[in-house]
Amino acid sequence: MADNEDLREIVAEDQEEEWLDEKLDEVKKEKANLEATFKKLQHVLCGKERKLLLAQKENEELKKLVEFLKESEICRRDVERLNFLIIICR
């Protein structure tokens, strides 16, 4: 009888080990998927940050241009149009 019980215990341990190995494989696959997604999101974020920095630089240049035009006594209507364009560009 003891041999049968030992065999059942061994089989149960083997089944549990197989189940754990399957779960470990699933977790590894999910981890790989999450890492790939993270890398893609990081790449997208870097692109967005670059675009934001360029837009901020452009915005500063437009502000300087508006100030220059105001100092140059360009007609008020033109300055207002430029201000409107700056608002639209944001």
N, C-alpha and C. Protein backbone atom coordinates (compact mmCIF):
# COMPACT_ATOMS: atom_id res chain seq x y z
N MET A 1 0.81 -1.20 0.00
CA MET A 1 0.00 0.00 0.00
C MET A 1 0.85 1.26 0.00
N ALA A 2 1.92 1.21 0.73
CA ALA A 2 2.77 2.39 0.84
C ALA A 2 3.34 2.76 -0.52
N ASP A 3 3.62 1.76 -1.35
CA ASP A 3 4.16 2.04 -2.68
C ASP A 3 3.15 2.80 -3.53
N ASN A 4 1.88 2.39 -3.46
CA ASN A 4 0.83 3.09 -4.21
C ASN A 4 0.69 4.54 -3.74
N GLU A 5 0.73 4.74 -2.45
CA GLU A 5 0.61 6.10 -1.90
C GLU A 5 1.81 6.95 -2.30
N ASP A 6 3.00 6.34 -2.26
CA ASP A 6 4.21 7.06 -2.69
C ASP A 6 4.11 7.44 -4.17
N LEU A 7 3.60 6.51 -4.98
CA LEU A 7 3.46 6.78 -6.41
C LEU A 7 2.45 7.91 -6.65
N ARG A 8 1.35 7.88 -5.91
CA ARG A 8 0.35 8.95 -6.05
C ARG A 8 0.96 10.30 -5.68
N GLU A 9 1.74 10.30 -4.64
CA GLU A 9 2.39 11.53 -4.19
C GLU A 9 3.37 12.04 -5.24
N ILE A 10 4.12 11.13 -5.83
CA ILE A 10 5.09 11.50 -6.87
C ILE A 10 4.35 12.05 -8.09
N VAL A 11 3.26 11.38 -8.48
CA VAL A 11 2.47 11.83 -9.63
C VAL A 11 1.87 13.20 -9.35
N ALA A 12 1.35 13.39 -8.15
CA ALA A 12 0.76 14.68 -7.79
C ALA A 12 1.82 15.77 -7.82
N GLU A 13 3.02 15.48 -7.32
CA GLU A 13 4.10 16.47 -7.35
C GLU A 13 4.51 16.79 -8.78
N ASP A 14 4.57 15.74 -9.63
CA ASP A 14 4.92 15.96 -11.04
C ASP A 14 3.87 16.82 -11.74
N GLN A 15 2.60 16.54 -11.45
CA GLN A 15 1.52 17.33 -12.06
C GLN A 15 1.58 18.78 -11.59
N GLU A 16 1.84 18.95 -10.31
CA GLU A 16 1.95 20.30 -9.78
C GLU A 16 3.14 21.03 -10.41
N GLU A 17 4.23 20.32 -10.59
CA GLU A 17 5.43 20.92 -11.19
C GLU A 17 5.16 21.30 -12.64
N GLU A 18 4.46 20.43 -13.38
CA GLU A 18 4.10 20.74 -14.76
C GLU A 18 3.20 21.98 -14.82
N TRP A 19 2.22 22.03 -13.92
CA TRP A 19 1.31 23.17 -13.87
C TRP A 19 2.08 24.45 -13.58
N LEU A 20 3.00 24.38 -12.61
CA LEU A 20 3.81 25.54 -12.27
C LEU A 20 4.69 25.96 -13.44
N ASP A 21 5.25 24.99 -14.16
CA ASP A 21 6.07 25.31 -15.34
C ASP A 21 5.24 26.00 -16.41
N GLU A 22 4.00 25.51 -16.62
CA GLU A 22 3.11 26.15 -17.59
C GLU A 22 2.80 27.59 -17.18
N LYS A 23 2.50 27.78 -15.91
CA LYS A 23 2.20 29.13 -15.41
C LYS A 23 3.42 30.04 -15.55
N LEU A 24 4.59 29.48 -15.26
CA LEU A 24 5.82 30.27 -15.40
C LEU A 24 6.02 30.69 -16.85
N ASP A 25 5.77 29.77 -17.79
CA ASP A 25 5.88 30.12 -19.21
C ASP A 25 4.89 31.22 -19.59
N GLU A 26 3.66 31.13 -19.08
CA GLU A 26 2.67 32.16 -19.36
C GLU A 26 3.11 33.52 -18.81
N VAL A 27 3.66 33.49 -17.61
CA VAL A 27 4.12 34.74 -16.99
C VAL A 27 5.28 35.33 -17.79
N LYS A 28 6.18 34.48 -18.25
CA LYS A 28 7.32 34.96 -19.05
C LYS A 28 6.84 35.57 -20.36
N LYS A 29 5.85 34.95 -20.99
CA LYS A 29 5.31 35.50 -22.24
C LYS A 29 4.64 36.84 -21.99
N GLU A 30 3.87 36.91 -20.92
CA GLU A 30 3.19 38.17 -20.59
C GLU A 30 4.21 39.26 -20.28
N LYS A 31 5.27 38.88 -19.57
CA LYS A 31 6.33 39.84 -19.26
C LYS A 31 6.98 40.37 -20.54
N ALA A 32 7.26 39.46 -21.48
CA ALA A 32 7.85 39.87 -22.76
C ALA A 32 6.91 40.80 -23.51
N ASN A 33 5.61 40.49 -23.50
CA ASN A 33 4.63 41.37 -24.17
C ASN A 33 4.59 42.74 -23.51
N LEU A 34 4.59 42.77 -22.18
CA LEU A 34 4.56 44.05 -21.48
C LEU A 34 5.83 44.86 -21.74
N GLU A 35 6.97 44.19 -21.77
CA GLU A 35 8.22 44.91 -22.06
C GLU A 35 8.21 45.49 -23.47
N ALA A 36 7.69 44.72 -24.42
CA ALA A 36 7.60 45.23 -25.80
C ALA A 36 6.66 46.43 -25.87
N THR A 37 5.54 46.33 -25.20
CA THR A 37 4.58 47.45 -25.17
C THR A 37 5.21 48.67 -24.52
N PHE A 38 5.93 48.46 -23.43
CA PHE A 38 6.60 49.55 -22.74
C PHE A 38 7.60 50.24 -23.65
N LYS A 39 8.39 49.47 -24.38
CA LYS A 39 9.37 50.05 -25.30
C LYS A 39 8.69 50.87 -26.39
N LYS A 40 7.56 50.35 -26.91
CA LYS A 40 6.82 51.10 -27.94
C LYS A 40 6.29 52.41 -27.37
N LEU A 41 5.73 52.34 -26.17
CA LEU A 41 5.20 53.56 -25.54
C LEU A 41 6.32 54.55 -25.24
N GLN A 42 7.47 54.04 -24.83
CA GLN A 42 8.61 54.93 -24.58
C GLN A 42 9.01 55.65 -25.86
N HIS A 43 9.04 54.90 -26.96
CA HIS A 43 9.42 55.48 -28.25
C HIS A 43 8.42 56.57 -28.66
N VAL A 44 7.14 56.27 -28.49
CA VAL A 44 6.09 57.25 -28.83
C VAL A 44 6.23 58.49 -27.95
N LEU A 45 6.48 58.27 -26.65
CA LEU A 45 6.62 59.39 -25.72
C LEU A 45 7.81 60.27 -26.10
N CYS A 46 8.91 59.65 -26.48
CA CYS A 46 10.09 60.44 -26.89
C CYS A 46 9.74 61.29 -28.11
N GLY A 47 9.00 60.73 -29.05
CA GLY A 47 8.59 61.49 -30.23
C GLY A 47 7.69 62.66 -29.85
N LYS A 48 6.77 62.40 -28.92
CA LYS A 48 5.86 63.47 -28.47
C LYS A 48 6.64 64.56 -27.74
N GLU A 49 7.62 64.16 -26.93
CA GLU A 49 8.42 65.16 -26.22
C GLU A 49 9.20 66.02 -27.20
N ARG A 50 9.76 65.38 -28.23
CA ARG A 50 10.50 66.15 -29.24
C ARG A 50 9.57 67.15 -29.94
N LYS A 51 8.37 66.68 -30.30
CA LYS A 51 7.41 67.58 -30.95
C LYS A 51 7.02 68.73 -30.03
N LEU A 52 6.85 68.43 -28.75
CA LEU A 52 6.50 69.47 -27.79
C LEU A 52 7.62 70.50 -27.67
N LEU A 53 8.86 70.04 -27.59
CA LEU A 53 9.99 70.97 -27.50
C LEU A 53 10.08 71.85 -28.75
N LEU A 54 9.87 71.24 -29.91
CA LEU A 54 9.90 72.03 -31.15
C LEU A 54 8.77 73.05 -31.17
N ALA A 55 7.59 72.65 -30.72
CA ALA A 55 6.45 73.57 -30.69
C ALA A 55 6.71 74.72 -29.72
N GLN A 56 7.32 74.40 -28.57
CA GLN A 56 7.63 75.45 -27.60
C GLN A 56 8.65 76.43 -28.19
N LYS A 57 9.65 75.91 -28.88
CA LYS A 57 10.65 76.77 -29.50
C LYS A 57 10.01 77.65 -30.56
N GLU A 58 9.15 77.04 -31.36
CA GLU A 58 8.44 77.78 -32.40
C GLU A 58 7.57 78.87 -31.78
N ASN A 59 6.91 78.54 -30.68
CA ASN A 59 6.06 79.49 -29.98
C ASN A 59 6.87 80.69 -29.50
N GLU A 60 8.03 80.42 -28.94
CA GLU A 60 8.89 81.52 -28.47
C GLU A 60 9.33 82.40 -29.64
N GLU A 61 9.67 81.78 -30.75
CA GLU A 61 10.08 82.55 -31.92
C GLU A 61 8.93 83.42 -32.43
N LEU A 62 7.73 82.87 -32.42
CA LEU A 62 6.57 83.65 -32.86
C LEU A 62 6.30 84.81 -31.91
N LYS A 63 6.46 84.58 -30.64
CA LYS A 63 6.27 85.67 -29.67
C LYS A 63 7.28 86.79 -29.92
N LYS A 64 8.52 86.41 -30.19
CA LYS A 64 9.55 87.41 -30.48
C LYS A 64 9.20 88.19 -31.74
N LEU A 65 8.69 87.48 -32.72
CA LEU A 65 8.30 88.13 -33.97
C LEU A 65 7.18 89.13 -33.73
N VAL A 66 6.20 88.72 -32.94
CA VAL A 66 5.08 89.62 -32.63
C VAL A 66 5.59 90.87 -31.92
N GLU A 67 6.47 90.69 -30.96
CA GLU A 67 7.03 91.83 -30.24
C GLU A 67 7.80 92.74 -31.19
N PHE A 68 8.57 92.14 -32.07
CA PHE A 68 9.32 92.92 -33.05
C PHE A 68 8.37 93.73 -33.93
N LEU A 69 7.31 93.06 -34.37
CA LEU A 69 6.35 93.75 -35.24
C LEU A 69 5.63 94.88 -34.50
N LYS A 70 5.34 94.65 -33.22
CA LYS A 70 4.70 95.71 -32.44
C LYS A 70 5.64 96.91 -32.33
N GLU A 71 6.91 96.64 -32.10
CA GLU A 71 7.88 97.72 -31.98
C GLU A 71 8.10 98.42 -33.31
N SER A 72 7.90 97.70 -34.40
CA SER A 72 8.11 98.26 -35.72
C SER A 72 6.91 99.05 -36.21
N GLU A 73 5.92 99.21 -35.34
CA GLU A 73 4.73 99.98 -35.64
C GLU A 73 3.95 99.46 -36.84
N ILE A 74 3.89 98.13 -36.94
CA ILE A 74 3.04 97.52 -37.96
C ILE A 74 1.60 97.80 -37.54
N CYS A 75 0.72 97.86 -38.48
CA CYS A 75 -0.65 98.22 -38.12
C CYS A 75 -1.24 97.20 -37.14
N ARG A 76 -2.06 97.70 -36.27
CA ARG A 76 -2.63 96.90 -35.16
C ARG A 76 -3.38 95.68 -35.68
N ARG A 77 -4.06 95.79 -36.75
CA ARG A 77 -4.82 94.67 -37.30
C ARG A 77 -3.88 93.50 -37.64
N ASP A 78 -2.73 93.80 -38.22
CA ASP A 78 -1.77 92.74 -38.55
C ASP A 78 -1.25 92.05 -37.29
N VAL A 79 -1.00 92.85 -36.25
CA VAL A 79 -0.53 92.28 -34.98
C VAL A 79 -1.61 91.38 -34.39
N GLU A 80 -2.83 91.81 -34.45
CA GLU A 80 -3.93 90.98 -33.93
C GLU A 80 -4.04 89.68 -34.72
N ARG A 81 -3.85 89.74 -36.01
CA ARG A 81 -3.89 88.51 -36.82
C ARG A 81 -2.76 87.56 -36.41
N LEU A 82 -1.58 88.13 -36.19
CA LEU A 82 -0.46 87.29 -35.76
C LEU A 82 -0.72 86.67 -34.40
N ASN A 83 -1.28 87.44 -33.48
CA ASN A 83 -1.65 86.89 -32.17
C ASN A 83 -2.65 85.75 -32.33
N PHE A 84 -3.60 85.93 -33.22
CA PHE A 84 -4.60 84.89 -33.47
C PHE A 84 -3.92 83.64 -34.03
N LEU A 85 -2.96 83.82 -34.94
CA LEU A 85 -2.23 82.68 -35.49
C LEU A 85 -1.44 81.95 -34.41
N ILE A 86 -0.87 82.69 -33.50
CA ILE A 86 -0.12 82.07 -32.40
C ILE A 86 -1.05 81.22 -31.55
N ILE A 87 -2.21 81.75 -31.27
CA ILE A 87 -3.19 81.00 -30.46
C ILE A 87 -3.60 79.73 -31.19
N ILE A 88 -3.81 79.81 -32.48
CA ILE A 88 -4.20 78.64 -33.27
C ILE A 88 -3.07 77.61 -33.28
N CYS A 89 -1.84 78.07 -33.38
CA CYS A 89 -0.69 77.15 -33.44
C CYS A 89 -0.49 76.38 -32.14
N ARG A 90 -0.96 76.90 -31.06
CA ARG A 90 -0.79 76.19 -29.78
C ARG A 90 -1.67 74.98 -29.80
